[in-house]
Amino acid sequence: MITFIISAIIVGAITGGLGRLLIPGRQDIGWVATILAGIVAALVGTGIAHLLKFADRTWIVLVVQLVLAVVCVGVVSGLQGKKAGRA
């Protein structure tokens, strides 16, 4: 269980960071939000891979996780921007 948590944090940090780099412009979110978005993307991407029966194809799973990380970081960044605009 602890190995799963540690690997989720590591994969989340990597996919979140790469997802953040792929979005043009500046994202006003912190590193914790980036890692959390990456963890969500990695877990959902792995779930999709298992549902669609391509979990054994590592590169395809990583691409799906990365695309989801871009989406998650974009959503979190957009929510943070709206929150900062109201304050």
PDB file of N, CA and C in Angstrom:
ATOM      1  N   MET A   1       0.826  -1.200   0.000  1.00  0.00           N
ATOM      2  CA  MET A   1       0.000   0.000   0.000  1.00  0.00           C
ATOM      3  C   MET A   1       0.864   1.255   0.000  1.00  0.00           C
ATOM      4  N   ILE A   2       1.898   1.260   0.837  1.00  0.00           N
ATOM      5  CA  ILE A   2       2.768   2.443   0.896  1.00  0.00           C
ATOM      6  C   ILE A   2       3.523   2.624  -0.419  1.00  0.00           C
ATOM      7  N   THR A   3       3.871   1.509  -1.073  1.00  0.00           N
ATOM      8  CA  THR A   3       4.536   1.591  -2.374  1.00  0.00           C
ATOM      9  C   THR A   3       3.615   2.227  -3.405  1.00  0.00           C
ATOM     10  N   PHE A   4       2.336   1.874  -3.359  1.00  0.00           N
ATOM     11  CA  PHE A   4       1.357   2.455  -4.277  1.00  0.00           C
ATOM     12  C   PHE A   4       1.256   3.964  -4.072  1.00  0.00           C
ATOM     13  N   ILE A   5       1.225   4.397  -2.831  1.00  0.00           N
ATOM     14  CA  ILE A   5       1.102   5.828  -2.526  1.00  0.00           C
ATOM     15  C   ILE A   5       2.334   6.584  -2.998  1.00  0.00           C
ATOM     16  N   ILE A   6       3.509   6.032  -2.711  1.00  0.00           N
ATOM     17  CA  ILE A   6       4.752   6.695  -3.120  1.00  0.00           C
ATOM     18  C   ILE A   6       4.855   6.749  -4.640  1.00  0.00           C
ATOM     19  N   SER A   7       4.523   5.649  -5.314  1.00  0.00           N
ATOM     20  CA  SER A   7       4.597   5.659  -6.772  1.00  0.00           C
ATOM     21  C   SER A   7       3.550   6.601  -7.373  1.00  0.00           C
ATOM     22  N   ALA A   8       2.375   6.710  -6.756  1.00  0.00           N
ATOM     23  CA  ALA A   8       1.361   7.647  -7.245  1.00  0.00           C
ATOM     24  C   ALA A   8       1.857   9.085  -7.122  1.00  0.00           C
ATOM     25  N   ILE A   9       2.540   9.397  -6.044  1.00  0.00           N
ATOM     26  CA  ILE A   9       3.081  10.747  -5.862  1.00  0.00           C
ATOM     27  C   ILE A   9       4.167  11.036  -6.894  1.00  0.00           C
ATOM     28  N   ILE A  10       5.043  10.073  -7.119  1.00  0.00           N
ATOM     29  CA  ILE A  10       6.134  10.271  -8.083  1.00  0.00           C
ATOM     30  C   ILE A  10       5.585  10.416  -9.501  1.00  0.00           C
ATOM     31  N   VAL A  11       4.712   9.486  -9.901  1.00  0.00           N
ATOM     32  CA  VAL A  11       4.127   9.564 -11.241  1.00  0.00           C
ATOM     33  C   VAL A  11       3.280  10.826 -11.376  1.00  0.00           C
ATOM     34  N   GLY A  12       2.556  11.187 -10.315  1.00  0.00           N
ATOM     35  CA  GLY A  12       1.750  12.403 -10.341  1.00  0.00           C
ATOM     36  C   GLY A  12       2.595  13.657 -10.498  1.00  0.00           C
ATOM     37  N   ALA A  13       3.724  13.689  -9.808  1.00  0.00           N
ATOM     38  CA  ALA A  13       4.612  14.853  -9.926  1.00  0.00           C
ATOM     39  C   ALA A  13       5.177  14.964 -11.336  1.00  0.00           C
ATOM     40  N   ILE A  14       5.551  13.835 -11.903  1.00  0.00           N
ATOM     41  CA  ILE A  14       6.116  13.863 -13.255  1.00  0.00           C
ATOM     42  C   ILE A  14       5.060  14.228 -14.289  1.00  0.00           C
ATOM     43  N   THR A  15       3.908  13.555 -14.249  1.00  0.00           N
ATOM     44  CA  THR A  15       2.875  13.857 -15.250  1.00  0.00           C
ATOM     45  C   THR A  15       2.292  15.250 -15.054  1.00  0.00           C
ATOM     46  N   GLY A  16       2.127  15.672 -13.810  1.00  0.00           N
ATOM     47  CA  GLY A  16       1.634  17.024 -13.553  1.00  0.00           C
ATOM     48  C   GLY A  16       2.613  18.081 -14.053  1.00  0.00           C
ATOM     49  N   GLY A  17       3.891  17.861 -13.781  1.00  0.00           N
ATOM     50  CA  GLY A  17       4.911  18.809 -14.247  1.00  0.00           C
ATOM     51  C   GLY A  17       4.991  18.873 -15.763  1.00  0.00           C
ATOM     52  N   LEU A  18       4.955  17.710 -16.409  1.00  0.00           N
ATOM     53  CA  LEU A  18       4.984  17.689 -17.873  1.00  0.00           C
ATOM     54  C   LEU A  18       3.709  18.303 -18.452  1.00  0.00           C
ATOM     55  N   GLY A  19       2.580  18.004 -17.827  1.00  0.00           N
ATOM     56  CA  GLY A  19       1.329  18.596 -18.278  1.00  0.00           C
ATOM     57  C   GLY A  19       1.352  20.108 -18.165  1.00  0.00           C
ATOM     58  N   ARG A  20       1.936  20.596 -17.087  1.00  0.00           N
ATOM     59  CA  ARG A  20       2.039  22.045 -16.886  1.00  0.00           C
ATOM     60  C   ARG A  20       2.971  22.684 -17.909  1.00  0.00           C
ATOM     61  N   LEU A  21       4.037  21.972 -18.272  1.00  0.00           N
ATOM     62  CA  LEU A  21       4.963  22.494 -19.277  1.00  0.00           C
ATOM     63  C   LEU A  21       4.340  22.542 -20.670  1.00  0.00           C
ATOM     64  N   LEU A  22       3.411  21.643 -20.943  1.00  0.00           N
ATOM     65  CA  LEU A  22       2.810  21.591 -22.273  1.00  0.00           C
ATOM     66  C   LEU A  22       1.722  22.642 -22.479  1.00  0.00           C
ATOM     67  N   ILE A  23       1.235  23.237 -21.418  1.00  0.00           N
ATOM     68  CA  ILE A  23       0.216  24.280 -21.548  1.00  0.00           C
ATOM     69  C   ILE A  23       0.924  25.615 -21.787  1.00  0.00           C
ATOM     70  N   PRO A  24       0.556  26.308 -22.863  1.00  0.00           N
ATOM     71  CA  PRO A  24       1.207  27.591 -23.118  1.00  0.00           C
ATOM     72  C   PRO A  24       0.804  28.639 -22.087  1.00  0.00           C
ATOM     73  N   GLY A  25       1.689  29.548 -21.816  1.00  0.00           N
ATOM     74  CA  GLY A  25       1.410  30.621 -20.869  1.00  0.00           C
ATOM     75  C   GLY A  25       1.775  30.230 -19.454  1.00  0.00           C
ATOM     76  N   ARG A  26       1.390  31.106 -18.545  1.00  0.00           N
ATOM     77  CA  ARG A  26       1.727  30.913 -17.137  1.00  0.00           C
ATOM     78  C   ARG A  26       0.514  30.393 -16.387  1.00  0.00           C
ATOM     79  N   GLN A  27       0.728  29.377 -15.563  1.00  0.00           N
ATOM     80  CA  GLN A  27      -0.333  28.847 -14.728  1.00  0.00           C
ATOM     81  C   GLN A  27      -0.084  29.308 -13.294  1.00  0.00           C
ATOM     82  N   ASP A  28      -1.072  29.933 -12.707  1.00  0.00           N
ATOM     83  CA  ASP A  28      -0.933  30.443 -11.350  1.00  0.00           C
ATOM     84  C   ASP A  28      -1.400  29.409 -10.325  1.00  0.00           C
ATOM     85  N   ILE A  29      -0.781  28.226 -10.379  1.00  0.00           N
ATOM     86  CA  ILE A  29      -1.076  27.197  -9.395  1.00  0.00           C
ATOM     87  C   ILE A  29       0.234  26.755  -8.769  1.00  0.00           C
ATOM     88  N   GLY A  30       0.155  26.280  -7.568  1.00  0.00           N
ATOM     89  CA  GLY A  30       1.349  25.850  -6.854  1.00  0.00           C
ATOM     90  C   GLY A  30       1.760  24.435  -7.216  1.00  0.00           C
ATOM     91  N   TRP A  31       2.869  24.030  -6.638  1.00  0.00           N
ATOM     92  CA  TRP A  31       3.391  22.698  -6.946  1.00  0.00           C
ATOM     93  C   TRP A  31       2.522  21.599  -6.350  1.00  0.00           C
ATOM     94  N   VAL A  32       1.865  21.875  -5.221  1.00  0.00           N
ATOM     95  CA  VAL A  32       0.987  20.864  -4.622  1.00  0.00           C
ATOM     96  C   VAL A  32      -0.212  20.608  -5.542  1.00  0.00           C
ATOM     97  N   ALA A  33      -0.807  21.667  -6.067  1.00  0.00           N
ATOM     98  CA  ALA A  33      -1.938  21.515  -6.988  1.00  0.00           C
ATOM     99  C   ALA A  33      -1.497  20.820  -8.271  1.00  0.00           C
ATOM    100  N   THR A  34      -0.282  21.096  -8.729  1.00  0.00           N
ATOM    101  CA  THR A  34       0.248  20.440  -9.920  1.00  0.00           C
ATOM    102  C   THR A  34       0.403  18.940  -9.691  1.00  0.00           C
ATOM    103  N   ILE A  35       0.959  18.568  -8.529  1.00  0.00           N
ATOM    104  CA  ILE A  35       1.138  17.152  -8.205  1.00  0.00           C
ATOM    105  C   ILE A  35      -0.209  16.465  -8.037  1.00  0.00           C
ATOM    106  N   LEU A  36      -1.143  17.118  -7.361  1.00  0.00           N
ATOM    107  CA  LEU A  36      -2.475  16.517  -7.187  1.00  0.00           C
ATOM    108  C   LEU A  36      -3.184  16.325  -8.525  1.00  0.00           C
ATOM    109  N   ALA A  37      -3.064  17.296  -9.410  1.00  0.00           N
ATOM    110  CA  ALA A  37      -3.656  17.150 -10.749  1.00  0.00           C
ATOM    111  C   ALA A  37      -2.988  16.004 -11.497  1.00  0.00           C
ATOM    112  N   GLY A  38      -1.685  15.868 -11.342  1.00  0.00           N
ATOM    113  CA  GLY A  38      -0.961  14.762 -11.973  1.00  0.00           C
ATOM    114  C   GLY A  38      -1.360  13.418 -11.407  1.00  0.00           C
ATOM    115  N   ILE A  39      -1.577  13.343 -10.086  1.00  0.00           N
ATOM    116  CA  ILE A  39      -2.007  12.088  -9.464  1.00  0.00           C
ATOM    117  C   ILE A  39      -3.388  11.696  -9.980  1.00  0.00           C
ATOM    118  N   VAL A  40      -4.299  12.660 -10.037  1.00  0.00           N
ATOM    119  CA  VAL A  40      -5.638  12.378 -10.559  1.00  0.00           C
ATOM    120  C   VAL A  40      -5.542  11.897 -12.009  1.00  0.00           C
ATOM    121  N   ALA A  41      -4.729  12.574 -12.802  1.00  0.00           N
ATOM    122  CA  ALA A  41      -4.570  12.186 -14.211  1.00  0.00           C
ATOM    123  C   ALA A  41      -3.981  10.785 -14.336  1.00  0.00           C
ATOM    124  N   ALA A  42      -2.994  10.473 -13.512  1.00  0.00           N
ATOM    125  CA  ALA A  42      -2.369   9.148 -13.577  1.00  0.00           C
ATOM    126  C   ALA A  42      -3.349   8.053 -13.178  1.00  0.00           C
ATOM    127  N   LEU A  43      -4.116   8.283 -12.127  1.00  0.00           N
ATOM    128  CA  LEU A  43      -5.076   7.273 -11.679  1.00  0.00           C
ATOM    129  C   LEU A  43      -6.205   7.084 -12.691  1.00  0.00           C
ATOM    130  N   VAL A  44      -6.734   8.183 -13.202  1.00  0.00           N
ATOM    131  CA  VAL A  44      -7.817   8.087 -14.182  1.00  0.00           C
ATOM    132  C   VAL A  44      -7.297   7.469 -15.485  1.00  0.00           C
ATOM    133  N   GLY A  45      -6.107   7.858 -15.903  1.00  0.00           N
ATOM    134  CA  GLY A  45      -5.517   7.288 -17.116  1.00  0.00           C
ATOM    135  C   GLY A  45      -5.288   5.794 -17.004  1.00  0.00           C
ATOM    136  N   THR A  46      -4.822   5.354 -15.840  1.00  0.00           N
ATOM    137  CA  THR A  46      -4.629   3.923 -15.616  1.00  0.00           C
ATOM    138  C   THR A  46      -5.974   3.201 -15.608  1.00  0.00           C
ATOM    139  N   GLY A  47      -6.977   3.812 -14.996  1.00  0.00           N
ATOM    140  CA  GLY A  47      -8.313   3.223 -14.993  1.00  0.00           C
ATOM    141  C   GLY A  47      -8.879   3.086 -16.395  1.00  0.00           C
ATOM    142  N   ILE A  48      -8.706   4.112 -17.208  1.00  0.00           N
ATOM    143  CA  ILE A  48      -9.174   4.065 -18.598  1.00  0.00           C
ATOM    144  C   ILE A  48      -8.442   2.964 -19.359  1.00  0.00           C
ATOM    145  N   ALA A  49      -7.138   2.851 -19.132  1.00  0.00           N
ATOM    146  CA  ALA A  49      -6.352   1.814 -19.801  1.00  0.00           C
ATOM    147  C   ALA A  49      -6.845   0.418 -19.442  1.00  0.00           C
ATOM    148  N   HIS A  50      -7.186   0.203 -18.186  1.00  0.00           N
ATOM    149  CA  HIS A  50      -7.699  -1.100 -17.778  1.00  0.00           C
ATOM    150  C   HIS A  50      -9.091  -1.357 -18.358  1.00  0.00           C
ATOM    151  N   LEU A  51      -9.923  -0.334 -18.378  1.00  0.00           N
ATOM    152  CA  LEU A  51     -11.270  -0.500 -18.933  1.00  0.00           C
ATOM    153  C   LEU A  51     -11.245  -0.806 -20.428  1.00  0.00           C
ATOM    154  N   LEU A  52     -10.341  -0.148 -21.144  1.00  0.00           N
ATOM    155  CA  LEU A  52     -10.258  -0.335 -22.595  1.00  0.00           C
ATOM    156  C   LEU A  52      -9.274  -1.425 -22.995  1.00  0.00           C
ATOM    157  N   LYS A  53      -8.738  -2.133 -22.017  1.00  0.00           N
ATOM    158  CA  LYS A  53      -7.885  -3.310 -22.238  1.00  0.00           C
ATOM    159  C   LYS A  53      -6.574  -3.010 -22.962  1.00  0.00           C
ATOM    160  N   PHE A  54      -5.954  -1.864 -22.674  1.00  0.00           N
ATOM    161  CA  PHE A  54      -4.623  -1.611 -23.219  1.00  0.00           C
ATOM    162  C   PHE A  54      -3.628  -1.252 -22.116  1.00  0.00           C
ATOM    163  N   ALA A  55      -3.869  -1.752 -20.924  1.00  0.00           N
ATOM    164  CA  ALA A  55      -3.000  -1.444 -19.792  1.00  0.00           C
ATOM    165  C   ALA A  55      -1.611  -2.063 -19.941  1.00  0.00           C
ATOM    166  N   ASP A  56      -1.460  -3.062 -20.808  1.00  0.00           N
ATOM    167  CA  ASP A  56      -0.154  -3.683 -21.003  1.00  0.00           C
ATOM    168  C   ASP A  56       0.729  -2.898 -21.962  1.00  0.00           C
ATOM    169  N   ARG A  57       0.193  -1.894 -22.609  1.00  0.00           N
ATOM    170  CA  ARG A  57       0.967  -1.050 -23.537  1.00  0.00           C
ATOM    171  C   ARG A  57       1.385   0.230 -22.812  1.00  0.00           C
ATOM    172  N   THR A  58       2.547   0.178 -22.217  1.00  0.00           N
ATOM    173  CA  THR A  58       3.018   1.236 -21.317  1.00  0.00           C
ATOM    174  C   THR A  58       3.021   2.611 -21.971  1.00  0.00           C
ATOM    175  N   TRP A  59       3.504   2.723 -23.189  1.00  0.00           N
ATOM    176  CA  TRP A  59       3.617   4.029 -23.832  1.00  0.00           C
ATOM    177  C   TRP A  59       2.258   4.657 -24.097  1.00  0.00           C
ATOM    178  N   ILE A  60       1.294   3.827 -24.468  1.00  0.00           N
ATOM    179  CA  ILE A  60      -0.048   4.363 -24.706  1.00  0.00           C
ATOM    180  C   ILE A  60      -0.661   4.855 -23.393  1.00  0.00           C
ATOM    181  N   VAL A  61      -0.441   4.109 -22.320  1.00  0.00           N
ATOM    182  CA  VAL A  61      -0.938   4.516 -21.007  1.00  0.00           C
ATOM    183  C   VAL A  61      -0.306   5.841 -20.592  1.00  0.00           C
ATOM    184  N   LEU A  62       0.993   5.984 -20.817  1.00  0.00           N
ATOM    185  CA  LEU A  62       1.671   7.232 -20.462  1.00  0.00           C
ATOM    186  C   LEU A  62       1.150   8.413 -21.274  1.00  0.00           C
ATOM    187  N   VAL A  63       0.862   8.188 -22.540  1.00  0.00           N
ATOM    188  CA  VAL A  63       0.315   9.270 -23.380  1.00  0.00           C
ATOM    189  C   VAL A  63      -1.067   9.675 -22.875  1.00  0.00           C
ATOM    190  N   VAL A  64      -1.893   8.688 -22.537  1.00  0.00           N
ATOM    191  CA  VAL A  64      -3.225   8.993 -22.008  1.00  0.00           C
ATOM    192  C   VAL A  64      -3.103   9.768 -20.697  1.00  0.00           C
ATOM    193  N   GLN A  65      -2.200   9.334 -19.819  1.00  0.00           N
ATOM    194  CA  GLN A  65      -1.994  10.032 -18.553  1.00  0.00           C
ATOM    195  C   GLN A  65      -1.512  11.454 -18.780  1.00  0.00           C
ATOM    196  N   LEU A  66      -0.626  11.649 -19.741  1.00  0.00           N
ATOM    197  CA  LEU A  66      -0.108  12.983 -20.018  1.00  0.00           C
ATOM    198  C   LEU A  66      -1.188  13.899 -20.575  1.00  0.00           C
ATOM    199  N   VAL A  67      -2.009  13.384 -21.479  1.00  0.00           N
ATOM    200  CA  VAL A  67      -3.114  14.192 -22.012  1.00  0.00           C
ATOM    201  C   VAL A  67      -4.074  14.585 -20.895  1.00  0.00           C
ATOM    202  N   LEU A  68      -4.380  13.618 -20.027  1.00  0.00           N
ATOM    203  CA  LEU A  68      -5.250  13.925 -18.897  1.00  0.00           C
ATOM    204  C   LEU A  68      -4.598  14.916 -17.936  1.00  0.00           C
ATOM    205  N   ALA A  69      -3.279  14.849 -17.783  1.00  0.00           N
ATOM    206  CA  ALA A  69      -2.577  15.801 -16.914  1.00  0.00           C
ATOM    207  C   ALA A  69      -2.683  17.214 -17.472  1.00  0.00           C
ATOM    208  N   VAL A  70      -2.561  17.354 -18.775  1.00  0.00           N
ATOM    209  CA  VAL A  70      -2.722  18.677 -19.399  1.00  0.00           C
ATOM    210  C   VAL A  70      -4.123  19.207 -19.121  1.00  0.00           C
ATOM    211  N   VAL A  71      -5.116  18.337 -19.271  1.00  0.00           N
ATOM    212  CA  VAL A  71      -6.496  18.756 -19.025  1.00  0.00           C
ATOM    213  C   VAL A  71      -6.690  19.129 -17.553  1.00  0.00           C
ATOM    214  N   CYS A  72      -6.192  18.290 -16.649  1.00  0.00           N
ATOM    215  CA  CYS A  72      -6.367  18.549 -15.210  1.00  0.00           C
ATOM    216  C   CYS A  72      -5.668  19.827 -14.773  1.00  0.00           C
ATOM    217  N   VAL A  73      -4.442  20.027 -15.229  1.00  0.00           N
ATOM    218  CA  VAL A  73      -3.718  21.250 -14.860  1.00  0.00           C
ATOM    219  C   VAL A  73      -4.429  22.464 -15.442  1.00  0.00           C
ATOM    220  N   GLY A  74      -4.935  22.342 -16.662  1.00  0.00           N
ATOM    221  CA  GLY A  74      -5.686  23.449 -17.264  1.00  0.00           C
ATOM    222  C   GLY A  74      -6.946  23.781 -16.491  1.00  0.00           C
ATOM    223  N   VAL A  75      -7.656  22.752 -16.048  1.00  0.00           N
ATOM    224  CA  VAL A  75      -8.882  22.975 -15.271  1.00  0.00           C
ATOM    225  C   VAL A  75      -8.552  23.630 -13.935  1.00  0.00           C
ATOM    226  N   VAL A  76      -7.541  23.104 -13.243  1.00  0.00           N
ATOM    227  CA  VAL A  76      -7.165  23.676 -11.939  1.00  0.00           C
ATOM    228  C   VAL A  76      -6.681  25.116 -12.114  1.00  0.00           C
ATOM    229  N   SER A  77      -5.901  25.356 -13.146  1.00  0.00           N
ATOM    230  CA  SER A  77      -5.417  26.709 -13.407  1.00  0.00           C
ATOM    231  C   SER A  77      -6.575  27.654 -13.719  1.00  0.00           C
ATOM    232  N   GLY A  78      -7.545  27.180 -14.494  1.00  0.00           N
ATOM    233  CA  GLY A  78      -8.714  27.997 -14.802  1.00  0.00           C
ATOM    234  C   GLY A  78      -9.543  28.293 -13.570  1.00  0.00           C
ATOM    235  N   LEU A  79      -9.693  27.304 -12.698  1.00  0.00           N
ATOM    236  CA  LEU A  79     -10.446  27.521 -11.463  1.00  0.00           C
ATOM    237  C   LEU A  79      -9.720  28.494 -10.542  1.00  0.00           C
ATOM    238  N   GLN A  80      -8.407  28.398 -10.484  1.00  0.00           N
ATOM    239  CA  GLN A  80      -7.625  29.317  -9.654  1.00  0.00           C
ATOM    240  C   GLN A  80      -7.715  30.739 -10.203  1.00  0.00           C
ATOM    241  N   GLY A  81      -7.713  30.869 -11.540  1.00  0.00           N
ATOM    242  CA  GLY A  81      -7.816  32.186 -12.152  1.00  0.00           C
ATOM    243  C   GLY A  81      -9.161  32.838 -11.869  1.00  0.00           C
ATOM    244  N   LYS A  82     -10.235  32.059 -11.892  1.00  0.00           N
ATOM    245  CA  LYS A  82     -11.560  32.600 -11.595  1.00  0.00           C
ATOM    246  C   LYS A  82     -11.667  32.984 -10.131  1.00  0.00           C
ATOM    247  N   LYS A  83     -11.059  32.174  -9.260  1.00  0.00           N
ATOM    248  CA  LYS A  83     -11.095  32.467  -7.833  1.00  0.00           C
ATOM    249  C   LYS A  83     -10.313  33.744  -7.529  1.00  0.00           C
ATOM    250  N   ALA A  84      -9.165  33.918  -8.184  1.00  0.00           N
ATOM    251  CA  ALA A  84      -8.356  35.111  -7.963  1.00  0.00           C
ATOM    252  C   ALA A  84      -9.042  36.352  -8.534  1.00  0.00           C
ATOM    253  N   GLY A  85      -9.816  36.179  -9.612  1.00  0.00           N
ATOM    254  CA  GLY A  85     -10.529  37.299 -10.207  1.00  0.00           C
ATOM    255  C   GLY A  85     -11.651  37.824  -9.346  1.00  0.00           C
ATOM    256  N   ARG A  86     -12.253  36.950  -8.530  1.00  0.00           N
ATOM    257  CA  ARG A  86     -13.354  37.361  -7.648  1.00  0.00           C
ATOM    258  C   ARG A  86     -12.861  38.072  -6.401  1.00  0.00           C
ATOM    259  N   ALA A  87     -11.662  37.795  -5.977  1.00  0.00           N
ATOM    260  CA  ALA A  87     -11.172  38.340  -4.702  1.00  0.00           C
ATOM    261  C   ALA A  87     -10.808  39.780  -4.786  1.00  0.00           C
TER     262      ALA A  87
END
